[in-house]
Amino acid sequence: MERTGVQKLAHVLTILVTITFVCNLIALIMVPGLVHIGSQQVLAAWWDYDIDDTLHMLLIGGWSMWGRNGIQADVLSGFLLFCGACTAAILWQGRRVLGTVLKGTPFCLENAKSLLGSAVLCFLISGAALVRVIWRICYAQSIAPLFSYNTLFVPLFFLAGLLCLVISALFRQAAEMKAENDLTI
């Protein structure tokens, strides 16, 4: 059976989502190292080191520096790891949805559950960003954190969560209607 245009597009998107998922996991491993390097010295200074020293710091050294760089670095590492894990899970849910499209059964309850899970993860990222913004305002005793990327994460991921909820409800209703139609034929 020949694939439809939507299935061809879903195949390409599956490849792209998989590549993004793998890159996300690689970046997650390097987060504590990058935060450590950024908190100890200017990020551009790490190019002065040998490649093996740099890789060691990125892949292993940063994990051993928890609690040694100060509270700000630990909070930043924790926030980035949490958000990175959530985005990895969102990408995985996206792969699951694309998998059902490739099978030719996009309107199923599995997709509704995957999108609902993605919505929850988006809300968690939004909440974590809000907590981090509030923490930074209290810690810095300034309104400067209101002008950071964290402040942008709050409405962005909240709206993404709402969008996933709406699409989840649509998929759930479409799956129920499809099941009813299958029974009447």
C-alpha atoms as a PDB file:
ATOM      1  CA  MET A   1       0.000   0.000   0.000  1.00  0.00           C
ATOM      2  CA  GLU A   2       1.377   3.368  -0.988  1.00  0.00           C
ATOM      3  CA  ARG A   3       1.852   5.954   1.716  1.00  0.00           C
ATOM      4  CA  THR A   4      -0.160   9.146   1.639  1.00  0.00           C
ATOM      5  CA  GLY A   5       1.376  12.605   1.629  1.00  0.00           C
ATOM      6  CA  VAL A   6       0.630  12.956   5.324  1.00  0.00           C
ATOM      7  CA  GLN A   7       2.394   9.689   6.081  1.00  0.00           C
ATOM      8  CA  LYS A   8       5.425  10.767   4.051  1.00  0.00           C
ATOM      9  CA  LEU A   9       5.533  14.005   6.004  1.00  0.00           C
ATOM     10  CA  ALA A  10       5.113  12.090   9.270  1.00  0.00           C
ATOM     11  CA  HIS A  11       8.071   9.904   8.298  1.00  0.00           C
ATOM     12  CA  VAL A  12      10.288  12.950   7.745  1.00  0.00           C
ATOM     13  CA  LEU A  13       9.051  14.520  10.977  1.00  0.00           C
ATOM     14  CA  THR A  14       9.770  11.301  12.863  1.00  0.00           C
ATOM     15  CA  ILE A  15      13.362  11.423  11.670  1.00  0.00           C
ATOM     16  CA  LEU A  16      13.688  15.089  12.659  1.00  0.00           C
ATOM     17  CA  VAL A  17      12.084  14.531  16.066  1.00  0.00           C
ATOM     18  CA  THR A  18      14.386  11.571  16.688  1.00  0.00           C
ATOM     19  CA  ILE A  19      17.456  13.646  15.832  1.00  0.00           C
ATOM     20  CA  THR A  20      16.223  16.421  18.121  1.00  0.00           C
ATOM     21  CA  PHE A  21      15.540  13.896  20.892  1.00  0.00           C
ATOM     22  CA  VAL A  22      19.078  12.497  20.671  1.00  0.00           C
ATOM     23  CA  CYS A  23      20.588  16.004  20.633  1.00  0.00           C
ATOM     24  CA  ASN A  24      18.465  16.883  23.660  1.00  0.00           C
ATOM     25  CA  LEU A  25      19.800  13.876  25.565  1.00  0.00           C
ATOM     26  CA  ILE A  26      23.388  14.763  24.650  1.00  0.00           C
ATOM     27  CA  ALA A  27      22.823  18.346  25.782  1.00  0.00           C
ATOM     28  CA  LEU A  28      21.324  17.104  29.054  1.00  0.00           C
ATOM     29  CA  ILE A  29      24.535  15.259  29.833  1.00  0.00           C
ATOM     30  CA  MET A  30      26.543  18.440  29.283  1.00  0.00           C
ATOM     31  CA  VAL A  31      24.323  20.863  31.249  1.00  0.00           C
ATOM     32  CA  PRO A  32      26.151  20.687  34.611  1.00  0.00           C
ATOM     33  CA  GLY A  33      29.521  20.999  32.878  1.00  0.00           C
ATOM     34  CA  LEU A  34      28.441  24.059  30.919  1.00  0.00           C
ATOM     35  CA  VAL A  35      26.977  25.657  34.029  1.00  0.00           C
ATOM     36  CA  HIS A  36      30.199  24.935  35.928  1.00  0.00           C
ATOM     37  CA  ILE A  37      32.349  26.385  33.168  1.00  0.00           C
ATOM     38  CA  GLY A  38      30.071  29.411  32.907  1.00  0.00           C
ATOM     39  CA  SER A  39      30.108  30.030  36.650  1.00  0.00           C
ATOM     40  CA  GLN A  40      33.873  29.624  37.049  1.00  0.00           C
ATOM     41  CA  GLN A  41      35.130  31.409  33.976  1.00  0.00           C
ATOM     42  CA  VAL A  42      34.044  32.966  30.749  1.00  0.00           C
ATOM     43  CA  LEU A  43      32.675  30.337  28.369  1.00  0.00           C
ATOM     44  CA  ALA A  44      35.110  31.439  25.654  1.00  0.00           C
ATOM     45  CA  ALA A  45      38.060  30.559  27.927  1.00  0.00           C
ATOM     46  CA  TRP A  46      37.391  26.840  27.736  1.00  0.00           C
ATOM     47  CA  TRP A  47      38.630  26.764  24.143  1.00  0.00           C
ATOM     48  CA  ASP A  48      42.110  27.299  25.602  1.00  0.00           C
ATOM     49  CA  TYR A  49      42.033  23.771  27.028  1.00  0.00           C
ATOM     50  CA  ASP A  50      42.813  20.536  25.232  1.00  0.00           C
ATOM     51  CA  ILE A  51      39.870  18.704  23.741  1.00  0.00           C
ATOM     52  CA  ASP A  52      40.125  15.893  26.289  1.00  0.00           C
ATOM     53  CA  ASP A  53      40.043  18.363  29.208  1.00  0.00           C
ATOM     54  CA  THR A  54      37.047  20.116  27.694  1.00  0.00           C
ATOM     55  CA  LEU A  55      35.187  16.867  27.066  1.00  0.00           C
ATOM     56  CA  HIS A  56      35.984  15.684  30.575  1.00  0.00           C
ATOM     57  CA  MET A  57      34.572  18.882  32.062  1.00  0.00           C
ATOM     58  CA  LEU A  58      31.487  18.780  29.857  1.00  0.00           C
ATOM     59  CA  LEU A  59      30.658  15.118  30.289  1.00  0.00           C
ATOM     60  CA  ILE A  60      31.936  14.226  33.757  1.00  0.00           C
ATOM     61  CA  GLY A  61      33.422  17.148  35.641  1.00  0.00           C
ATOM     62  CA  GLY A  62      30.296  19.245  35.897  1.00  0.00           C
ATOM     63  CA  TRP A  63      28.383  16.473  37.637  1.00  0.00           C
ATOM     64  CA  SER A  64      30.998  16.359  40.398  1.00  0.00           C
ATOM     65  CA  MET A  65      30.716  20.118  40.964  1.00  0.00           C
ATOM     66  CA  TRP A  66      27.192  20.068  42.438  1.00  0.00           C
ATOM     67  CA  GLY A  67      27.196  22.185  45.569  1.00  0.00           C
ATOM     68  CA  ARG A  68      30.603  23.720  44.880  1.00  0.00           C
ATOM     69  CA  ASN A  69      29.663  26.504  42.479  1.00  0.00           C
ATOM     70  CA  GLY A  70      27.133  28.269  44.647  1.00  0.00           C
ATOM     71  CA  ILE A  71      23.390  28.161  44.916  1.00  0.00           C
ATOM     72  CA  GLN A  72      22.781  30.016  41.654  1.00  0.00           C
ATOM     73  CA  ALA A  73      24.718  27.475  39.590  1.00  0.00           C
ATOM     74  CA  ASP A  74      22.986  24.565  41.309  1.00  0.00           C
ATOM     75  CA  VAL A  75      19.535  26.076  40.777  1.00  0.00           C
ATOM     76  CA  LEU A  76      20.353  26.810  37.138  1.00  0.00           C
ATOM     77  CA  SER A  77      21.630  23.265  36.585  1.00  0.00           C
ATOM     78  CA  GLY A  78      18.572  21.788  38.243  1.00  0.00           C
ATOM     79  CA  PHE A  79      16.218  23.994  36.257  1.00  0.00           C
ATOM     80  CA  LEU A  80      17.892  23.226  32.938  1.00  0.00           C
ATOM     81  CA  LEU A  81      18.020  19.495  33.679  1.00  0.00           C
ATOM     82  CA  PHE A  82      14.354  19.457  34.668  1.00  0.00           C
ATOM     83  CA  CYS A  83      13.279  21.402  31.584  1.00  0.00           C
ATOM     84  CA  GLY A  84      15.523  19.301  29.367  1.00  0.00           C
ATOM     85  CA  ALA A  85      14.049  16.083  30.728  1.00  0.00           C
ATOM     86  CA  CYS A  86      10.534  17.440  30.189  1.00  0.00           C
ATOM     87  CA  THR A  87      11.303  18.464  26.615  1.00  0.00           C
ATOM     88  CA  ALA A  88      12.814  15.031  25.953  1.00  0.00           C
ATOM     89  CA  ALA A  89       9.585  13.462  27.192  1.00  0.00           C
ATOM     90  CA  ILE A  90       7.546  15.848  25.014  1.00  0.00           C
ATOM     91  CA  LEU A  91       9.612  14.847  21.992  1.00  0.00           C
ATOM     92  CA  TRP A  92       9.060  11.186  22.826  1.00  0.00           C
ATOM     93  CA  GLN A  93       5.307  11.783  23.013  1.00  0.00           C
ATOM     94  CA  GLY A  94       5.548  13.476  19.620  1.00  0.00           C
ATOM     95  CA  ARG A  95       7.273  10.393  18.218  1.00  0.00           C
ATOM     96  CA  ARG A  96       4.433   8.257  19.539  1.00  0.00           C
ATOM     97  CA  VAL A  97       1.839  10.454  17.832  1.00  0.00           C
ATOM     98  CA  LEU A  98       3.785  10.389  14.575  1.00  0.00           C
ATOM     99  CA  GLY A  99       4.026   6.603  14.870  1.00  0.00           C
ATOM    100  CA  THR A 100       0.250   6.277  14.848  1.00  0.00           C
ATOM    101  CA  VAL A 101       0.072   8.592  11.840  1.00  0.00           C
ATOM    102  CA  LEU A 102       2.554   6.345  10.053  1.00  0.00           C
ATOM    103  CA  LYS A 103       0.376   3.323  10.867  1.00  0.00           C
ATOM    104  CA  GLY A 104      -2.621   5.113   9.387  1.00  0.00           C
ATOM    105  CA  THR A 105      -4.549   5.323  12.668  1.00  0.00           C
ATOM    106  CA  PRO A 106      -4.106   8.905  13.843  1.00  0.00           C
ATOM    107  CA  PHE A 107      -7.477   9.182  15.574  1.00  0.00           C
ATOM    108  CA  CYS A 108      -6.953   6.891  18.524  1.00  0.00           C
ATOM    109  CA  LEU A 109      -7.051   7.296  22.274  1.00  0.00           C
ATOM    110  CA  GLU A 110      -3.305   6.675  22.434  1.00  0.00           C
ATOM    111  CA  ASN A 111      -2.705  10.026  20.731  1.00  0.00           C
ATOM    112  CA  ALA A 112      -5.068  11.777  23.115  1.00  0.00           C
ATOM    113  CA  LYS A 113      -3.111  10.345  26.050  1.00  0.00           C
ATOM    114  CA  SER A 114       0.220  11.322  24.502  1.00  0.00           C
ATOM    115  CA  LEU A 115      -0.940  14.880  23.930  1.00  0.00           C
ATOM    116  CA  LEU A 116      -2.360  15.067  27.441  1.00  0.00           C
ATOM    117  CA  GLY A 117       1.020  13.963  28.778  1.00  0.00           C
ATOM    118  CA  SER A 118       2.717  16.629  26.683  1.00  0.00           C
ATOM    119  CA  ALA A 119       0.325  19.230  28.089  1.00  0.00           C
ATOM    120  CA  VAL A 120       1.199  18.244  31.651  1.00  0.00           C
ATOM    121  CA  LEU A 121       4.911  18.449  30.839  1.00  0.00           C
ATOM    122  CA  CYS A 122       4.445  21.908  29.303  1.00  0.00           C
ATOM    123  CA  PHE A 123       2.642  23.067  32.436  1.00  0.00           C
ATOM    124  CA  LEU A 124       5.474  21.670  34.571  1.00  0.00           C
ATOM    125  CA  ILE A 125       8.062  23.614  32.567  1.00  0.00           C
ATOM    126  CA  SER A 126       5.954  26.755  32.852  1.00  0.00           C
ATOM    127  CA  GLY A 127       5.627  26.272  36.602  1.00  0.00           C
ATOM    128  CA  ALA A 128       9.343  25.612  37.034  1.00  0.00           C
ATOM    129  CA  ALA A 129      10.155  28.758  35.070  1.00  0.00           C
ATOM    130  CA  LEU A 130       7.759  30.780  37.221  1.00  0.00           C
ATOM    131  CA  VAL A 131       9.342  29.416  40.401  1.00  0.00           C
ATOM    132  CA  ARG A 132      12.801  30.226  39.055  1.00  0.00           C
ATOM    133  CA  VAL A 133      11.789  33.785  38.119  1.00  0.00           C
ATOM    134  CA  ILE A 134      10.319  34.362  41.576  1.00  0.00           C
ATOM    135  CA  TRP A 135      13.397  32.834  43.207  1.00  0.00           C
ATOM    136  CA  ARG A 136      15.721  35.035  41.135  1.00  0.00           C
ATOM    137  CA  ILE A 137      13.710  38.152  41.996  1.00  0.00           C
ATOM    138  CA  CYS A 138      13.965  37.331  45.699  1.00  0.00           C
ATOM    139  CA  TYR A 139      17.617  36.266  45.489  1.00  0.00           C
ATOM    140  CA  ALA A 140      18.792  39.243  43.427  1.00  0.00           C
ATOM    141  CA  GLN A 141      16.326  41.633  45.080  1.00  0.00           C
ATOM    142  CA  SER A 142      15.831  43.208  41.702  1.00  0.00           C
ATOM    143  CA  ILE A 143      13.336  43.110  38.865  1.00  0.00           C
ATOM    144  CA  ALA A 144      16.096  42.259  36.372  1.00  0.00           C
ATOM    145  CA  PRO A 145      15.062  38.559  36.218  1.00  0.00           C
ATOM    146  CA  LEU A 146      11.773  39.687  34.693  1.00  0.00           C
ATOM    147  CA  PHE A 147      13.738  40.439  31.525  1.00  0.00           C
ATOM    148  CA  SER A 148      15.250  36.967  31.139  1.00  0.00           C
ATOM    149  CA  TYR A 149      14.386  33.907  29.075  1.00  0.00           C
ATOM    150  CA  ASN A 150      12.756  32.335  32.132  1.00  0.00           C
ATOM    151  CA  THR A 151      10.036  34.949  32.080  1.00  0.00           C
ATOM    152  CA  LEU A 152       9.373  34.097  28.451  1.00  0.00           C
ATOM    153  CA  PHE A 153       9.117  30.382  29.304  1.00  0.00           C
ATOM    154  CA  VAL A 154       6.153  30.945  31.630  1.00  0.00           C
ATOM    155  CA  PRO A 155       3.518  32.065  29.092  1.00  0.00           C
ATOM    156  CA  LEU A 156       5.129  30.207  26.192  1.00  0.00           C
ATOM    157  CA  PHE A 157       4.938  26.767  27.767  1.00  0.00           C
ATOM    158  CA  PHE A 158       1.623  27.558  29.447  1.00  0.00           C
ATOM    159  CA  LEU A 159       0.103  28.309  26.043  1.00  0.00           C
ATOM    160  CA  ALA A 160       1.775  25.232  24.555  1.00  0.00           C
ATOM    161  CA  GLY A 161       0.181  23.186  27.333  1.00  0.00           C
ATOM    162  CA  LEU A 162      -3.224  24.671  26.594  1.00  0.00           C
ATOM    163  CA  LEU A 163      -2.767  23.926  22.898  1.00  0.00           C
ATOM    164  CA  CYS A 164      -1.842  20.322  23.670  1.00  0.00           C
ATOM    165  CA  LEU A 165      -4.928  20.032  25.899  1.00  0.00           C
ATOM    166  CA  VAL A 166      -7.199  21.277  23.124  1.00  0.00           C
ATOM    167  CA  ILE A 167      -5.633  18.987  20.535  1.00  0.00           C
ATOM    168  CA  SER A 168      -5.828  16.086  22.995  1.00  0.00           C
ATOM    169  CA  ALA A 169      -9.543  16.701  23.463  1.00  0.00           C
ATOM    170  CA  LEU A 170     -10.011  16.857  19.689  1.00  0.00           C
ATOM    171  CA  PHE A 171      -8.170  13.571  19.194  1.00  0.00           C
ATOM    172  CA  ARG A 172     -10.169  11.958  22.002  1.00  0.00           C
ATOM    173  CA  GLN A 173     -13.449  13.098  20.485  1.00  0.00           C
ATOM    174  CA  ALA A 174     -12.357  12.024  16.996  1.00  0.00           C
ATOM    175  CA  ALA A 175     -11.388   8.594  18.339  1.00  0.00           C
ATOM    176  CA  GLU A 176     -14.781   8.231  20.026  1.00  0.00           C
ATOM    177  CA  MET A 177     -16.608   9.298  16.862  1.00  0.00           C
ATOM    178  CA  LYS A 178     -14.523   6.890  14.794  1.00  0.00           C
ATOM    179  CA  ALA A 179     -15.355   4.069  17.190  1.00  0.00           C
ATOM    180  CA  GLU A 180     -19.074   4.896  16.937  1.00  0.00           C
ATOM    181  CA  ASN A 181     -18.906   4.994  13.144  1.00  0.00           C
ATOM    182  CA  ASP A 182     -17.050   1.689  13.051  1.00  0.00           C
ATOM    183  CA  LEU A 183     -19.827   0.112  15.125  1.00  0.00           C
ATOM    184  CA  THR A 184     -22.629   1.408  12.896  1.00  0.00           C
ATOM    185  CA  ILE A 185     -21.171   0.117   9.649  1.00  0.00           C
END
